[in-house]
Structures are given as structure tokens and as C-alpha cells.
Amino acid sequence: MTFANTSKYRQPPPSVDDISVWCGKDPALAALAAKAAYGPDATLAVAWCALGAKVDGRATDSHFWFEVFCLLSANETQTWALRPERRGFGNADGKLN
């Protein structure tokens, strides 16, 4: 039984200098685009992008998506903190329950 020579099909290991699709892009613009595309699920979608890039070994892309994730999650935290119903107030006039 003969086996095919698979050495010609092997891919070289990824180098540190791999070209990134997201290198040099603005994370704030990506955050806005994610919010426009995914609405309230934008943070989750971006988290999946970061995880996928990390698992694939694309360090530059995973760092980019992590920055976008941080921007979106910080924005959600600020929005959450400003809602009166989240602070123990029953309604918008600020009266306690």
C-alpha cells in the first residue's frame, strides 16, 4: 500500500507578521456598525468575533474585537446605570417604591 506524499499540502505555521483584516481600523466605528447590525445583541456578536479570532490564532484580530467588545460593554454599563428602574426607583419621577 502506498501513501500519497502529503508534504506538499501542509501549510506553513502562521507567523507573527500575518496580515490582519482589521489592522488599522477604528474600533469605535466597528462598535457603531455592530450596534446598527445587531441591535441589543451587538456585544454578544462582537464577543463571538473576538473568540473566533482568538481560537483561529489571529491575535491582531482578536485584540481588535476585544477593544470593540470593551467599548460596547462600557456603553451598556453606563446605560444600565442611568436607568431609574435599575437603581431602585419605581418610576421616572424618582420616587422610591
N, C-alpha and C. Protein backbone atom coordinates (compact mmCIF):
# COMPACT_ATOMS: atom_id res chain seq x y z
N MET A 1 0.85 -1.16 0.00
CA MET A 1 0.00 0.00 0.00
C MET A 1 0.90 1.23 0.00
N THR A 2 0.62 2.15 -0.89
CA THR A 2 1.40 3.39 -0.94
C THR A 2 0.53 4.56 -0.50
N PHE A 3 1.19 5.49 0.16
CA PHE A 3 0.51 6.68 0.63
C PHE A 3 0.98 7.87 -0.19
N ALA A 4 0.08 8.77 -0.40
CA ALA A 4 0.42 9.99 -1.15
C ALA A 4 1.35 10.84 -0.29
N ASN A 5 2.23 11.55 -0.95
CA ASN A 5 3.12 12.47 -0.27
C ASN A 5 2.31 13.71 0.12
N THR A 6 2.03 13.85 1.42
CA THR A 6 1.19 14.96 1.87
C THR A 6 1.99 16.19 2.24
N SER A 7 3.32 16.12 2.11
CA SER A 7 4.13 17.27 2.50
C SER A 7 3.83 18.51 1.65
N LYS A 8 3.41 18.30 0.42
CA LYS A 8 3.11 19.46 -0.43
C LYS A 8 1.79 20.13 -0.03
N TYR A 9 0.96 19.44 0.78
CA TYR A 9 -0.30 20.02 1.20
C TYR A 9 -0.23 20.70 2.56
N ARG A 10 0.84 20.51 3.26
CA ARG A 10 0.98 21.12 4.58
C ARG A 10 1.12 22.63 4.45
N GLN A 11 0.45 23.31 5.33
CA GLN A 11 0.55 24.76 5.34
C GLN A 11 1.61 25.17 6.34
N PRO A 12 2.35 26.21 6.02
CA PRO A 12 3.35 26.68 6.98
C PRO A 12 2.65 27.23 8.22
N PRO A 13 3.29 27.14 9.37
CA PRO A 13 2.67 27.69 10.58
C PRO A 13 2.49 29.19 10.45
N PRO A 14 1.42 29.70 11.05
CA PRO A 14 1.19 31.15 10.94
C PRO A 14 2.31 31.91 11.62
N SER A 15 2.70 32.99 11.01
CA SER A 15 3.76 33.80 11.57
C SER A 15 3.18 34.98 12.34
N VAL A 16 4.01 35.65 13.08
CA VAL A 16 3.58 36.80 13.85
C VAL A 16 3.22 37.96 12.92
N ASP A 17 3.75 37.95 11.72
CA ASP A 17 3.54 39.04 10.78
C ASP A 17 2.34 38.81 9.85
N ASP A 18 1.41 37.93 10.25
CA ASP A 18 0.25 37.68 9.41
C ASP A 18 -0.53 38.97 9.19
N ILE A 19 -1.07 39.11 8.01
CA ILE A 19 -1.87 40.28 7.68
C ILE A 19 -3.24 40.13 8.33
N SER A 20 -3.68 41.17 8.98
CA SER A 20 -4.97 41.18 9.65
C SER A 20 -5.96 41.97 8.82
N VAL A 21 -7.17 41.49 8.76
CA VAL A 21 -8.23 42.21 8.06
C VAL A 21 -8.56 43.50 8.79
N TRP A 22 -8.46 43.49 10.12
CA TRP A 22 -8.90 44.60 10.93
C TRP A 22 -7.77 45.51 11.40
N CYS A 23 -6.56 45.28 10.95
CA CYS A 23 -5.43 46.09 11.36
C CYS A 23 -5.61 47.53 10.87
N GLY A 24 -5.47 48.48 11.78
CA GLY A 24 -5.59 49.88 11.42
C GLY A 24 -7.00 50.41 11.34
N LYS A 25 -7.98 49.58 11.64
CA LYS A 25 -9.38 50.03 11.61
C LYS A 25 -9.75 50.64 12.96
N ASP A 26 -10.79 51.45 12.97
CA ASP A 26 -11.23 52.14 14.17
C ASP A 26 -12.25 51.28 14.93
N PRO A 27 -11.93 50.86 16.16
CA PRO A 27 -12.87 50.05 16.94
C PRO A 27 -14.19 50.77 17.22
N ALA A 28 -14.16 52.10 17.36
CA ALA A 28 -15.39 52.84 17.62
C ALA A 28 -16.36 52.75 16.43
N LEU A 29 -15.82 52.81 15.23
CA LEU A 29 -16.68 52.67 14.05
C LEU A 29 -17.23 51.25 13.95
N ALA A 30 -16.42 50.27 14.29
CA ALA A 30 -16.89 48.89 14.28
C ALA A 30 -17.98 48.69 15.33
N ALA A 31 -17.85 49.35 16.47
CA ALA A 31 -18.88 49.25 17.52
C ALA A 31 -20.19 49.84 17.02
N LEU A 32 -20.12 50.98 16.35
CA LEU A 32 -21.33 51.59 15.80
C LEU A 32 -21.98 50.69 14.74
N ALA A 33 -21.16 50.11 13.88
CA ALA A 33 -21.67 49.21 12.85
C ALA A 33 -22.31 47.97 13.47
N ALA A 34 -21.68 47.43 14.52
CA ALA A 34 -22.24 46.27 15.20
C ALA A 34 -23.58 46.60 15.84
N LYS A 35 -23.68 47.78 16.45
CA LYS A 35 -24.96 48.19 17.05
C LYS A 35 -26.03 48.34 15.98
N ALA A 36 -25.65 48.89 14.83
CA ALA A 36 -26.61 49.06 13.75
C ALA A 36 -27.06 47.71 13.19
N ALA A 37 -26.15 46.77 13.11
CA ALA A 37 -26.46 45.47 12.52
C ALA A 37 -27.15 44.53 13.50
N TYR A 38 -26.72 44.52 14.76
CA TYR A 38 -27.20 43.51 15.71
C TYR A 38 -28.06 44.07 16.84
N GLY A 39 -28.17 45.39 16.93
CA GLY A 39 -29.01 45.99 17.96
C GLY A 39 -28.56 45.61 19.36
N PRO A 40 -29.49 45.14 20.20
CA PRO A 40 -29.14 44.83 21.58
C PRO A 40 -28.20 43.63 21.72
N ASP A 41 -28.05 42.85 20.66
CA ASP A 41 -27.16 41.68 20.70
C ASP A 41 -25.77 41.98 20.15
N ALA A 42 -25.45 43.25 19.96
CA ALA A 42 -24.17 43.63 19.37
C ALA A 42 -22.99 43.17 20.22
N THR A 43 -23.10 43.31 21.53
CA THR A 43 -21.99 42.91 22.41
C THR A 43 -21.73 41.41 22.30
N LEU A 44 -22.80 40.63 22.27
CA LEU A 44 -22.65 39.18 22.14
C LEU A 44 -22.04 38.81 20.79
N ALA A 45 -22.49 39.46 19.72
CA ALA A 45 -21.96 39.17 18.38
C ALA A 45 -20.47 39.48 18.31
N VAL A 46 -20.08 40.61 18.89
CA VAL A 46 -18.67 41.02 18.87
C VAL A 46 -17.83 40.08 19.74
N ALA A 47 -18.41 39.61 20.85
CA ALA A 47 -17.70 38.64 21.69
C ALA A 47 -17.41 37.36 20.91
N TRP A 48 -18.36 36.93 20.11
CA TRP A 48 -18.14 35.75 19.27
C TRP A 48 -17.05 36.00 18.23
N CYS A 49 -17.01 37.21 17.68
CA CYS A 49 -15.95 37.55 16.73
C CYS A 49 -14.58 37.49 17.40
N ALA A 50 -14.49 38.02 18.61
CA ALA A 50 -13.23 38.00 19.34
C ALA A 50 -12.82 36.57 19.67
N LEU A 51 -13.77 35.77 20.10
CA LEU A 51 -13.46 34.38 20.44
C LEU A 51 -13.02 33.60 19.21
N GLY A 52 -13.73 33.79 18.10
CA GLY A 52 -13.36 33.10 16.86
C GLY A 52 -11.97 33.46 16.39
N ALA A 53 -11.63 34.73 16.47
CA ALA A 53 -10.29 35.17 16.06
C ALA A 53 -9.23 34.58 16.98
N LYS A 54 -9.52 34.55 18.29
CA LYS A 54 -8.57 34.00 19.25
C LYS A 54 -8.33 32.52 19.00
N VAL A 55 -9.41 31.78 18.79
CA VAL A 55 -9.30 30.33 18.54
C VAL A 55 -8.57 30.06 17.23
N ASP A 56 -8.77 30.91 16.24
CA ASP A 56 -8.08 30.73 14.96
C ASP A 56 -6.62 31.15 14.99
N GLY A 57 -6.20 31.77 16.10
CA GLY A 57 -4.81 32.20 16.21
C GLY A 57 -4.53 33.55 15.57
N ARG A 58 -5.57 34.32 15.31
CA ARG A 58 -5.41 35.64 14.71
C ARG A 58 -5.36 36.67 15.84
N ALA A 59 -4.18 36.84 16.40
CA ALA A 59 -4.01 37.69 17.58
C ALA A 59 -4.40 39.14 17.33
N THR A 60 -4.00 39.68 16.20
CA THR A 60 -4.31 41.08 15.90
C THR A 60 -5.82 41.29 15.80
N ASP A 61 -6.50 40.37 15.12
CA ASP A 61 -7.95 40.47 15.00
C ASP A 61 -8.64 40.29 16.35
N SER A 62 -8.15 39.36 17.16
CA SER A 62 -8.79 39.14 18.46
C SER A 62 -8.62 40.35 19.36
N HIS A 63 -7.47 41.02 19.30
CA HIS A 63 -7.28 42.25 20.08
C HIS A 63 -8.22 43.36 19.60
N PHE A 64 -8.38 43.46 18.29
CA PHE A 64 -9.30 44.46 17.73
C PHE A 64 -10.72 44.22 18.23
N TRP A 65 -11.19 42.97 18.10
CA TRP A 65 -12.56 42.67 18.51
C TRP A 65 -12.74 42.81 20.01
N PHE A 66 -11.69 42.55 20.78
CA PHE A 66 -11.78 42.74 22.22
C PHE A 66 -11.95 44.23 22.55
N GLU A 67 -11.25 45.09 21.82
CA GLU A 67 -11.42 46.53 22.02
C GLU A 67 -12.85 46.97 21.69
N VAL A 68 -13.39 46.42 20.61
CA VAL A 68 -14.77 46.74 20.25
C VAL A 68 -15.72 46.24 21.34
N PHE A 69 -15.47 45.03 21.84
CA PHE A 69 -16.28 44.48 22.92
C PHE A 69 -16.24 45.38 24.15
N CYS A 70 -15.06 45.85 24.51
CA CYS A 70 -14.92 46.73 25.67
C CYS A 70 -15.71 48.03 25.49
N LEU A 71 -15.67 48.59 24.28
CA LEU A 71 -16.44 49.80 24.01
C LEU A 71 -17.94 49.56 24.16
N LEU A 72 -18.40 48.45 23.60
CA LEU A 72 -19.84 48.15 23.68
C LEU A 72 -20.27 47.83 25.10
N SER A 73 -19.48 47.06 25.81
CA SER A 73 -19.88 46.68 27.17
C SER A 73 -19.81 47.89 28.11
N ALA A 74 -18.87 48.80 27.90
CA ALA A 74 -18.81 50.01 28.71
C ALA A 74 -20.04 50.87 28.45
N ASN A 75 -20.45 50.94 27.21
CA ASN A 75 -21.64 51.71 26.86
C ASN A 75 -22.88 51.09 27.49
N GLU A 76 -22.97 49.77 27.49
CA GLU A 76 -24.11 49.09 28.11
C GLU A 76 -24.12 49.32 29.61
N THR A 77 -22.95 49.31 30.24
CA THR A 77 -22.87 49.52 31.68
C THR A 77 -23.33 50.92 32.04
N GLN A 78 -22.92 51.91 31.26
CA GLN A 78 -23.36 53.28 31.51
C GLN A 78 -24.86 53.42 31.32
N THR A 79 -25.39 52.82 30.28
CA THR A 79 -26.82 52.89 30.02
C THR A 79 -27.59 52.20 31.14
N TRP A 80 -27.10 51.07 31.59
CA TRP A 80 -27.75 50.32 32.65
C TRP A 80 -27.77 51.13 33.94
N ALA A 81 -26.67 51.81 34.24
CA ALA A 81 -26.58 52.57 35.49
C ALA A 81 -27.48 53.80 35.46
N LEU A 82 -27.78 54.33 34.29
CA LEU A 82 -28.59 55.54 34.20
C LEU A 82 -30.09 55.29 34.22
N ARG A 83 -30.51 54.04 34.05
CA ARG A 83 -31.94 53.75 34.06
C ARG A 83 -32.49 53.82 35.49
N PRO A 84 -33.52 54.65 35.72
CA PRO A 84 -34.06 54.78 37.08
C PRO A 84 -34.58 53.46 37.65
N GLU A 85 -35.20 52.62 36.83
CA GLU A 85 -35.76 51.38 37.35
C GLU A 85 -34.69 50.41 37.84
N ARG A 86 -33.46 50.58 37.38
CA ARG A 86 -32.36 49.73 37.81
C ARG A 86 -31.76 50.19 39.14
N ARG A 87 -32.04 51.41 39.53
CA ARG A 87 -31.44 51.95 40.75
C ARG A 87 -32.38 51.85 41.95
N GLY A 88 -33.49 51.17 41.82
CA GLY A 88 -34.40 51.03 42.94
C GLY A 88 -35.52 52.06 42.92
N PHE A 89 -35.62 52.86 41.91
CA PHE A 89 -36.70 53.83 41.79
C PHE A 89 -37.82 53.20 40.98
N GLY A 90 -39.04 53.44 41.39
CA GLY A 90 -40.17 52.81 40.75
C GLY A 90 -40.56 53.43 39.44
N ASN A 91 -40.32 54.71 39.28
CA ASN A 91 -40.73 55.36 38.04
C ASN A 91 -39.78 56.50 37.71
N ALA A 92 -40.06 57.16 36.63
CA ALA A 92 -39.12 58.17 36.13
C ALA A 92 -39.09 59.44 36.98
N ASP A 93 -40.08 59.65 37.85
CA ASP A 93 -40.05 60.87 38.65
C ASP A 93 -39.12 60.77 39.86
N GLY A 94 -38.51 59.62 40.08
CA GLY A 94 -37.50 59.48 41.12
C GLY A 94 -38.04 59.09 42.48
N LYS A 95 -39.33 58.78 42.59
CA LYS A 95 -39.89 58.37 43.87
C LYS A 95 -39.53 56.92 44.16
N LEU A 96 -39.24 56.67 45.40
CA LEU A 96 -38.91 55.29 45.80
C LEU A 96 -40.15 54.42 45.76
N ASN A 97 -39.93 53.14 45.56
CA ASN A 97 -41.03 52.17 45.55
C ASN A 97 -41.66 52.05 46.91
